[in-house]
Amino acid sequence: MNAESLTSTRRYDLDWLRFIAIFILLFFHTGMWFNPWDWHVKNNELSGSFRYWMIWSHFWRMPLLLFIAGASTYLAMGKRTARMFAGERVKRLLVPVIFGMFVVVPPQIYFEHIKDYVSYWDFYKTVFNFVPYPEGSFSWHHLWFVVYLLIYSLVTIPLLVFLRSEKSKKFKEQLYKLLSSPAGILFIPGILILITQIILRPYFPEETHDLQDLGYMVFYGCFFLFGMLCYSNQHIWSAIGASRKYLLIASILILIPFYGTYFHFREIYILPWTERTVEIIFDVTGIFLSWFTVITVIAYGQHYLNRPHPWLSRINEGLYPFYILHQTVIIWIGYYICQLDWSIAAKYWSICFLTLVSCISFYLIIIRPFNVMRFFFGMKMK
């Protein structure tokens, strides 16, 4: 079987990794109730211990999803024309964003400002003032990921068409020469991502998810692009899997300067450098940690997870609706759980469990059986 036909078949590892990455979001966003970081809503008691695992996962959870999305986008193009592909992307991505901004996201803003309103309907009228959050009630909140994915998908259509054509043969051969070794796959993409951030972050330092954070928009876009490029050439994809042990070592070693500087910020100890120097080291190692961890997860995923399962297709179908719903449900349930006189651990695991059960139930009962709901949540019609 040739490389092109291999990259046209179903990759079960991508399905499993997408499931794992979105499942991580459940734990991460629940943790935001208790982490001292700024967020829409907070428990009355916070725990600094959440910082130490969440700072690590923060640097690679969304990049992993975007890398998978890039590879999946290459697959989704298939034999479609550019126009057919663009139409399909708009239907599956833009429609859920619009639906989400009017139906799914508003409860998040309501619970953040619940004391200012008599009822939810009293609040909901303010959505139609179309004043952007945080000054107003109009936002896409966590659906920024879908918005950015739509932009990446449409912008890269010419590249997709090229990669799917015979004209890309020499390009793919050159790409393989660059990325076939462990050092190549670790450092060439990592350095290129770093260069984009050196250029852009001085002018766009904040991650706002409002289409104005160009530095971070390009940062996440790089993972989408490299997912597409790596998956377009089966030889590169196989080389990544073959290098997994070296990639794992790099992912572990990068934690030394990453946490070494992070502990300085937490004043566990003080490094003998200026704050600016420590910030630069942390930012640079954070970028490499993102890439090293993502490519390591991809490598081990293709080695251990490229296996079918009777439930996998059903799970995979429900992941997109789960993503759209999960943060709203976390905030909704969390608002009431966090008023109870429970420990942080009891609240955390209760929110996780009840959110999981609620999202699955809503999907199975309200979304999956009905074509109109499937349309609003970006699913294929029955």
Protein backbone atom coordinates (compact mmCIF):
# COMPACT_ATOMS: atom_id res chain seq x y z
CA MET A 1 0.00 0.00 0.00
CA ASN A 2 1.46 3.41 -0.95
CA ALA A 3 1.83 6.40 1.36
CA GLU A 4 -1.11 8.28 -0.12
CA SER A 5 -3.57 5.46 0.44
CA LEU A 6 -2.31 5.01 3.98
CA THR A 7 -3.05 8.65 4.77
CA SER A 8 -6.54 8.24 3.32
CA THR A 9 -7.60 5.51 5.75
CA ARG A 10 -9.10 5.95 9.20
CA ARG A 11 -6.56 6.63 11.93
CA TYR A 12 -7.91 5.18 15.15
CA ASP A 13 -5.06 6.73 17.13
CA LEU A 14 -6.27 10.20 16.16
CA ASP A 15 -9.77 9.29 17.35
CA TRP A 16 -8.47 7.97 20.68
CA LEU A 17 -6.17 10.97 21.20
CA ARG A 18 -9.00 13.39 20.41
CA PHE A 19 -11.09 11.61 23.04
CA ILE A 20 -8.26 11.79 25.59
CA ALA A 21 -7.54 15.48 24.86
CA ILE A 22 -11.19 16.51 25.26
CA PHE A 23 -11.50 14.38 28.41
CA ILE A 24 -8.53 16.32 29.83
CA LEU A 25 -10.49 19.53 29.23
CA LEU A 26 -13.17 18.27 31.62
CA PHE A 27 -10.62 18.00 34.44
CA PHE A 28 -8.81 21.19 33.46
CA HIS A 29 -11.85 23.46 33.32
CA THR A 30 -13.26 21.97 36.51
CA GLY A 31 -9.92 22.79 38.12
CA MET A 32 -10.40 26.44 37.17
CA TRP A 33 -13.03 26.68 39.91
CA PHE A 34 -10.31 26.05 42.51
CA ASN A 35 -7.12 27.31 40.87
CA PRO A 36 -5.99 30.84 41.96
CA TRP A 37 -5.85 31.86 38.28
CA ASP A 38 -8.41 34.38 37.09
CA TRP A 39 -11.60 32.80 35.66
CA HIS A 40 -15.29 33.56 35.22
CA VAL A 41 -16.35 31.99 38.52
CA LYS A 42 -14.53 30.80 41.63
CA ASN A 43 -15.03 28.61 44.67
CA ASN A 44 -14.85 30.49 47.98
CA GLU A 45 -11.75 28.44 48.88
CA LEU A 46 -8.87 28.07 46.42
CA SER A 47 -5.93 25.66 46.29
CA GLY A 48 -2.50 26.53 44.92
CA SER A 49 -1.79 22.84 44.33
CA PHE A 50 -3.94 22.95 41.19
CA ARG A 51 -1.39 25.30 39.62
CA TYR A 52 1.36 22.74 39.36
CA TRP A 53 -0.36 20.19 37.12
CA MET A 54 -2.55 22.69 35.31
CA ILE A 55 0.36 24.90 34.18
CA TRP A 56 1.91 21.86 32.48
CA SER A 57 -1.30 20.70 30.82
CA HIS A 58 -2.15 24.27 29.79
CA PHE A 59 0.85 24.36 27.47
CA TRP A 60 -0.07 21.30 25.41
CA ARG A 61 -3.78 20.39 25.76
CA MET A 62 -5.07 22.79 23.08
CA PRO A 63 -1.97 22.45 20.84
CA LEU A 64 -2.58 18.68 20.85
CA LEU A 65 -6.20 19.18 19.77
CA LEU A 66 -5.08 21.52 16.99
CA PHE A 67 -2.37 19.14 15.77
CA ILE A 68 -5.00 16.38 15.61
CA ALA A 69 -7.37 18.80 13.88
CA GLY A 70 -4.71 19.58 11.26
CA ALA A 71 -4.16 15.89 10.52
CA SER A 72 -7.92 15.27 10.49
CA THR A 73 -8.44 18.21 8.14
CA TYR A 74 -6.05 16.64 5.66
CA LEU A 75 -8.12 13.46 5.88
CA ALA A 76 -11.42 15.37 5.65
CA MET A 77 -10.41 17.00 2.39
CA GLY A 78 -10.44 13.54 0.78
CA LYS A 79 -11.67 13.75 -2.79
CA ARG A 80 -13.75 16.87 -2.18
CA THR A 81 -13.28 19.98 -4.26
CA ALA A 82 -12.07 23.11 -2.47
CA ARG A 83 -15.57 24.60 -2.65
CA MET A 84 -17.21 21.47 -1.23
CA PHE A 85 -14.66 21.34 1.58
CA ALA A 86 -15.14 25.03 2.45
CA GLY A 87 -18.91 24.59 2.57
CA GLU A 88 -18.61 21.55 4.80
CA ARG A 89 -16.25 23.39 7.18
CA VAL A 90 -18.56 26.40 7.42
CA LYS A 91 -21.57 24.19 8.18
CA ARG A 92 -19.77 22.11 10.80
CA LEU A 93 -17.87 24.94 12.48
CA LEU A 94 -19.60 28.29 11.95
CA VAL A 95 -23.14 27.08 12.68
CA PRO A 96 -22.25 25.68 16.15
CA VAL A 97 -20.41 28.91 17.01
CA ILE A 98 -23.44 31.06 16.17
CA PHE A 99 -25.75 28.65 18.01
CA GLY A 100 -23.34 28.56 20.94
CA MET A 101 -23.10 32.33 21.26
CA PHE A 102 -26.88 32.61 21.66
CA VAL A 103 -27.69 29.40 23.52
CA VAL A 104 -24.69 27.60 25.05
CA VAL A 105 -22.39 30.39 26.22
CA PRO A 106 -24.83 32.90 27.83
CA PRO A 107 -25.41 30.77 30.97
CA GLN A 108 -21.67 31.03 31.71
CA ILE A 109 -21.88 34.82 31.73
CA TYR A 110 -25.13 34.72 33.72
CA PHE A 111 -23.61 32.70 36.56
CA GLU A 112 -20.64 35.05 36.62
CA HIS A 113 -22.98 38.02 37.20
CA ILE A 114 -25.97 36.24 38.73
CA LYS A 115 -26.30 38.73 41.59
CA ASP A 116 -26.97 41.53 39.12
CA TYR A 117 -30.14 39.99 37.67
CA VAL A 118 -33.58 38.98 38.87
CA SER A 119 -33.70 35.90 36.62
CA TYR A 120 -31.95 34.28 33.69
CA TRP A 121 -34.44 35.82 31.26
CA ASP A 122 -33.76 39.22 32.74
CA PHE A 123 -30.08 38.64 31.94
CA TYR A 124 -30.65 37.00 28.54
CA LYS A 125 -32.08 40.19 27.04
CA THR A 126 -28.64 41.78 27.43
CA VAL A 127 -27.14 39.27 24.97
CA PHE A 128 -28.98 41.07 22.17
CA ASN A 129 -27.27 44.34 23.00
CA PHE A 130 -24.31 42.67 21.22
CA VAL A 131 -21.80 44.28 23.58
CA PRO A 132 -18.67 42.07 23.64
CA TYR A 133 -17.69 40.36 26.88
CA PRO A 134 -16.47 41.34 29.50
CA GLU A 135 -18.24 44.72 29.22
CA GLY A 136 -21.33 42.98 27.84
CA SER A 137 -22.90 39.54 27.48
CA PHE A 138 -21.97 38.64 23.91
CA SER A 139 -19.11 36.14 23.60
CA TRP A 140 -17.96 32.83 22.21
CA HIS A 141 -15.93 32.00 25.36
CA HIS A 142 -14.48 28.47 25.00
CA LEU A 143 -15.77 28.24 21.42
CA TRP A 144 -12.76 30.34 20.36
CA PHE A 145 -11.21 27.00 19.47
CA VAL A 146 -13.93 26.35 16.89
CA VAL A 147 -13.62 29.88 15.50
CA TYR A 148 -9.87 29.57 15.09
CA LEU A 149 -10.25 26.09 13.62
CA LEU A 150 -12.62 27.47 11.00
CA ILE A 151 -10.12 30.18 10.07
CA TYR A 152 -7.20 27.74 9.89
CA SER A 153 -9.25 25.33 7.77
CA LEU A 154 -10.27 27.96 5.23
CA VAL A 155 -6.87 29.70 5.05
CA THR A 156 -5.04 26.42 4.40
CA ILE A 157 -7.31 25.19 1.59
CA PRO A 158 -4.73 26.09 -1.12
CA LEU A 159 -2.09 24.15 0.81
CA LEU A 160 -4.47 21.20 1.21
CA VAL A 161 -5.14 21.13 -2.51
CA PHE A 162 -1.39 21.23 -3.17
CA LEU A 163 -0.60 18.47 -0.66
CA ARG A 164 -3.27 16.28 -2.21
CA SER A 165 -1.82 16.69 -5.72
CA GLU A 166 1.10 15.01 -7.46
CA LYS A 167 2.85 18.40 -7.58
CA SER A 168 3.67 18.07 -3.86
CA LYS A 169 5.85 14.97 -4.29
CA LYS A 170 9.20 16.79 -4.24
CA PHE A 171 8.04 19.06 -1.42
CA LYS A 172 7.09 16.04 0.70
CA GLU A 173 10.44 14.41 -0.03
CA GLN A 174 12.29 17.52 1.17
CA LEU A 175 10.03 17.71 4.20
CA TYR A 176 10.85 14.11 5.06
CA LYS A 177 14.58 14.82 4.90
CA LEU A 178 14.12 17.63 7.42
CA LEU A 179 11.78 15.84 9.82
CA SER A 180 12.80 12.18 9.62
CA SER A 181 15.29 12.25 12.50
CA PRO A 182 14.46 12.76 16.20
CA ALA A 183 16.45 16.03 16.23
CA GLY A 184 14.70 17.24 13.09
CA ILE A 185 11.15 16.56 14.29
CA LEU A 186 11.92 18.05 17.72
CA PHE A 187 13.79 21.21 16.85
CA ILE A 188 12.87 22.36 13.34
CA PRO A 189 9.15 22.83 14.10
CA GLY A 190 9.96 23.99 17.64
CA ILE A 191 12.37 26.68 16.42
CA LEU A 192 9.97 27.83 13.71
CA ILE A 193 7.18 28.21 16.29
CA LEU A 194 9.58 30.09 18.56
CA ILE A 195 10.52 32.50 15.76
CA THR A 196 6.86 33.37 15.15
CA GLN A 197 6.46 34.19 18.84
CA ILE A 198 9.64 36.26 19.03
CA ILE A 199 8.26 38.36 16.17
CA LEU A 200 4.64 38.63 17.32
CA ARG A 201 4.36 38.44 21.11
CA PRO A 202 6.03 41.81 21.80
CA TYR A 203 3.10 43.36 19.90
CA PHE A 204 0.40 40.83 20.87
CA PRO A 205 1.34 39.66 24.39
CA GLU A 206 -2.09 38.62 25.68
CA GLU A 207 -4.08 35.46 24.93
CA THR A 208 -7.55 36.95 24.49
CA HIS A 209 -9.16 34.58 21.94
CA ASP A 210 -10.89 37.49 20.22
CA LEU A 211 -9.09 37.41 16.84
CA GLN A 212 -6.82 40.22 18.07
CA ASP A 213 -4.27 38.01 19.86
CA LEU A 214 -2.26 37.44 16.69
CA GLY A 215 0.73 35.98 18.55
CA TYR A 216 -1.28 33.17 20.10
CA MET A 217 -3.43 32.76 17.02
CA VAL A 218 -0.30 32.02 14.99
CA PHE A 219 1.10 29.86 17.82
CA TYR A 220 -1.92 27.56 17.78
CA GLY A 221 -2.07 27.74 13.99
CA CYS A 222 1.46 26.31 13.79
CA PHE A 223 0.29 23.12 15.49
CA PHE A 224 -2.63 22.84 13.09
CA LEU A 225 -0.23 23.36 10.16
CA PHE A 226 2.34 20.83 11.36
CA GLY A 227 -0.42 18.29 12.02
CA MET A 228 -1.47 18.67 8.41
CA LEU A 229 2.08 18.53 7.05
CA CYS A 230 3.20 15.56 9.13
CA TYR A 231 0.12 13.55 8.29
CA SER A 232 0.34 14.33 4.58
CA ASN A 233 3.46 12.16 4.32
CA GLN A 234 3.19 8.69 5.79
CA HIS A 235 6.98 8.40 5.91
CA ILE A 236 7.17 11.38 8.28
CA TRP A 237 4.30 9.96 10.31
CA SER A 238 6.10 6.62 10.65
CA ALA A 239 9.38 8.36 11.54
CA ILE A 240 7.62 10.16 14.40
CA GLY A 241 6.46 6.85 15.84
CA ALA A 242 9.90 5.30 15.43
CA SER A 243 11.46 8.21 17.36
CA ARG A 244 9.07 8.02 20.31
CA LYS A 245 11.65 7.11 22.95
CA TYR A 246 13.85 10.08 22.05
CA LEU A 247 10.80 12.34 21.99
CA LEU A 248 9.77 11.14 25.44
CA ILE A 249 13.24 11.87 26.85
CA ALA A 250 13.09 15.40 25.40
CA SER A 251 9.61 15.94 26.86
CA ILE A 252 10.83 14.95 30.31
CA LEU A 253 14.08 16.95 30.18
CA ILE A 254 12.31 20.15 29.13
CA LEU A 255 10.39 20.00 32.41
CA ILE A 256 13.60 20.85 34.31
CA PRO A 257 13.95 24.46 33.08
CA PHE A 258 10.16 24.80 32.79
CA TYR A 259 9.38 23.97 36.41
CA GLY A 260 12.72 25.40 37.51
CA THR A 261 11.55 28.85 36.43
CA TYR A 262 7.93 28.28 37.47
CA PHE A 263 8.99 27.45 41.03
CA HIS A 264 10.86 30.76 41.02
CA PHE A 265 7.60 32.58 40.23
CA ARG A 266 5.92 30.71 43.08
CA GLU A 267 8.82 31.82 45.38
CA ILE A 268 9.68 28.24 46.32
CA TYR A 269 13.21 29.47 45.69
CA ILE A 270 14.71 32.50 43.99
CA LEU A 271 16.97 32.20 40.95
CA PRO A 272 19.99 34.56 40.77
CA TRP A 273 18.73 36.29 37.60
CA THR A 274 16.53 39.23 36.78
CA GLU A 275 12.79 38.68 36.52
CA ARG A 276 12.96 39.47 32.83
CA THR A 277 15.58 36.76 32.26
CA VAL A 278 13.53 34.19 34.16
CA GLU A 279 10.40 35.15 32.19
CA ILE A 280 12.22 34.70 28.89
CA ILE A 281 13.53 31.27 29.91
CA PHE A 282 10.05 30.23 31.03
CA ASP A 283 8.39 31.44 27.83
CA VAL A 284 10.96 29.77 25.56
CA THR A 285 10.90 26.46 27.42
CA GLY A 286 7.09 26.63 27.47
CA ILE A 287 7.00 26.80 23.67
CA PHE A 288 9.34 23.83 23.34
CA LEU A 289 7.41 21.95 26.04
CA SER A 290 4.24 22.44 23.99
CA TRP A 291 5.79 21.00 20.84
CA PHE A 292 7.82 18.25 22.52
CA THR A 293 4.80 16.99 24.50
CA VAL A 294 2.39 17.10 21.56
CA ILE A 295 4.69 15.22 19.20
CA THR A 296 5.51 12.68 21.94
CA VAL A 297 1.82 12.01 22.59
CA ILE A 298 1.28 11.63 18.84
CA ALA A 299 4.20 9.19 18.58
CA TYR A 300 3.02 6.95 21.41
CA GLY A 301 -0.57 7.25 20.26
CA GLN A 302 0.17 5.87 16.80
CA HIS A 303 2.17 3.04 18.35
CA TYR A 304 -0.34 1.94 21.01
CA LEU A 305 -3.75 3.40 20.09
CA ASN A 306 -4.20 2.74 16.37
CA ARG A 307 -6.76 0.05 17.11
CA PRO A 308 -10.51 -0.03 16.44
CA HIS A 309 -13.11 -0.51 19.13
CA PRO A 310 -16.85 -1.19 18.78
CA TRP A 311 -17.66 1.99 20.71
CA LEU A 312 -15.04 4.25 19.15
CA SER A 313 -17.13 5.61 16.28
CA ARG A 314 -20.00 6.45 18.64
CA ILE A 315 -17.64 8.10 21.12
CA ASN A 316 -15.95 10.06 18.35
CA GLU A 317 -19.31 11.31 17.03
CA GLY A 318 -20.22 12.72 20.44
CA LEU A 319 -16.94 14.47 21.22
CA TYR A 320 -17.74 17.67 19.34
CA PRO A 321 -21.10 18.22 21.11
CA PHE A 322 -19.38 17.33 24.39
CA TYR A 323 -16.76 20.02 23.79
CA ILE A 324 -19.42 22.61 22.96
CA LEU A 325 -21.39 21.81 26.12
CA HIS A 326 -18.78 20.96 28.74
CA GLN A 327 -17.69 24.39 30.04
CA THR A 328 -21.25 25.67 30.39
CA VAL A 329 -22.25 22.55 32.31
CA ILE A 330 -19.14 22.80 34.53
CA ILE A 331 -20.06 26.36 35.47
CA TRP A 332 -23.77 25.59 35.84
CA ILE A 333 -23.28 22.57 38.12
CA GLY A 334 -20.25 24.07 39.82
CA TYR A 335 -22.17 27.17 40.88
CA TYR A 336 -24.45 25.06 43.08
CA ILE A 337 -21.86 22.49 44.19
CA CYS A 338 -19.46 25.22 45.32
CA GLN A 339 -22.07 26.67 47.67
CA LEU A 340 -22.01 23.45 49.70
CA ASP A 341 -19.87 23.04 52.79
CA TRP A 342 -17.69 20.35 51.23
CA SER A 343 -13.97 19.90 50.82
CA ILE A 344 -12.30 21.03 47.61
CA ALA A 345 -11.67 17.41 46.62
CA ALA A 346 -15.34 16.47 47.10
CA LYS A 347 -16.49 19.48 45.09
CA TYR A 348 -13.95 18.89 42.32
CA TRP A 349 -14.80 15.24 41.72
CA SER A 350 -18.54 15.86 42.07
CA ILE A 351 -18.44 18.56 39.40
CA CYS A 352 -16.37 16.32 37.10
CA PHE A 353 -18.70 13.35 37.51
CA LEU A 354 -21.97 15.27 37.25
CA THR A 355 -20.72 17.22 34.23
CA LEU A 356 -19.73 14.02 32.47
CA VAL A 357 -23.11 12.37 33.19
CA SER A 358 -25.06 15.50 32.25
CA CYS A 359 -23.25 16.08 28.93
CA ILE A 360 -23.56 12.45 27.90
CA SER A 361 -27.24 12.36 28.84
CA PHE A 362 -28.00 15.60 27.03
CA TYR A 363 -26.19 14.33 23.96
CA LEU A 364 -27.94 10.95 23.89
CA ILE A 365 -31.43 12.28 24.66
CA ILE A 366 -31.57 15.76 23.11
CA ILE A 367 -28.88 16.01 20.43
CA ARG A 368 -28.12 12.65 18.83
CA PRO A 369 -31.67 11.57 17.88
CA PHE A 370 -32.78 14.83 16.21
CA ASN A 371 -31.42 16.22 12.96
CA VAL A 372 -32.15 19.84 13.90
CA MET A 373 -29.98 19.50 17.03
CA ARG A 374 -27.33 17.60 15.10
CA PHE A 375 -27.22 20.53 12.68
CA PHE A 376 -26.76 23.09 15.46
CA PHE A 377 -23.98 21.01 17.03
CA GLY A 378 -22.08 20.47 13.78
CA MET A 379 -22.90 16.80 13.33
CA LYS A 380 -23.76 14.93 10.15
CA MET A 381 -27.44 14.40 9.48
CA LYS A 382 -28.93 10.99 10.22
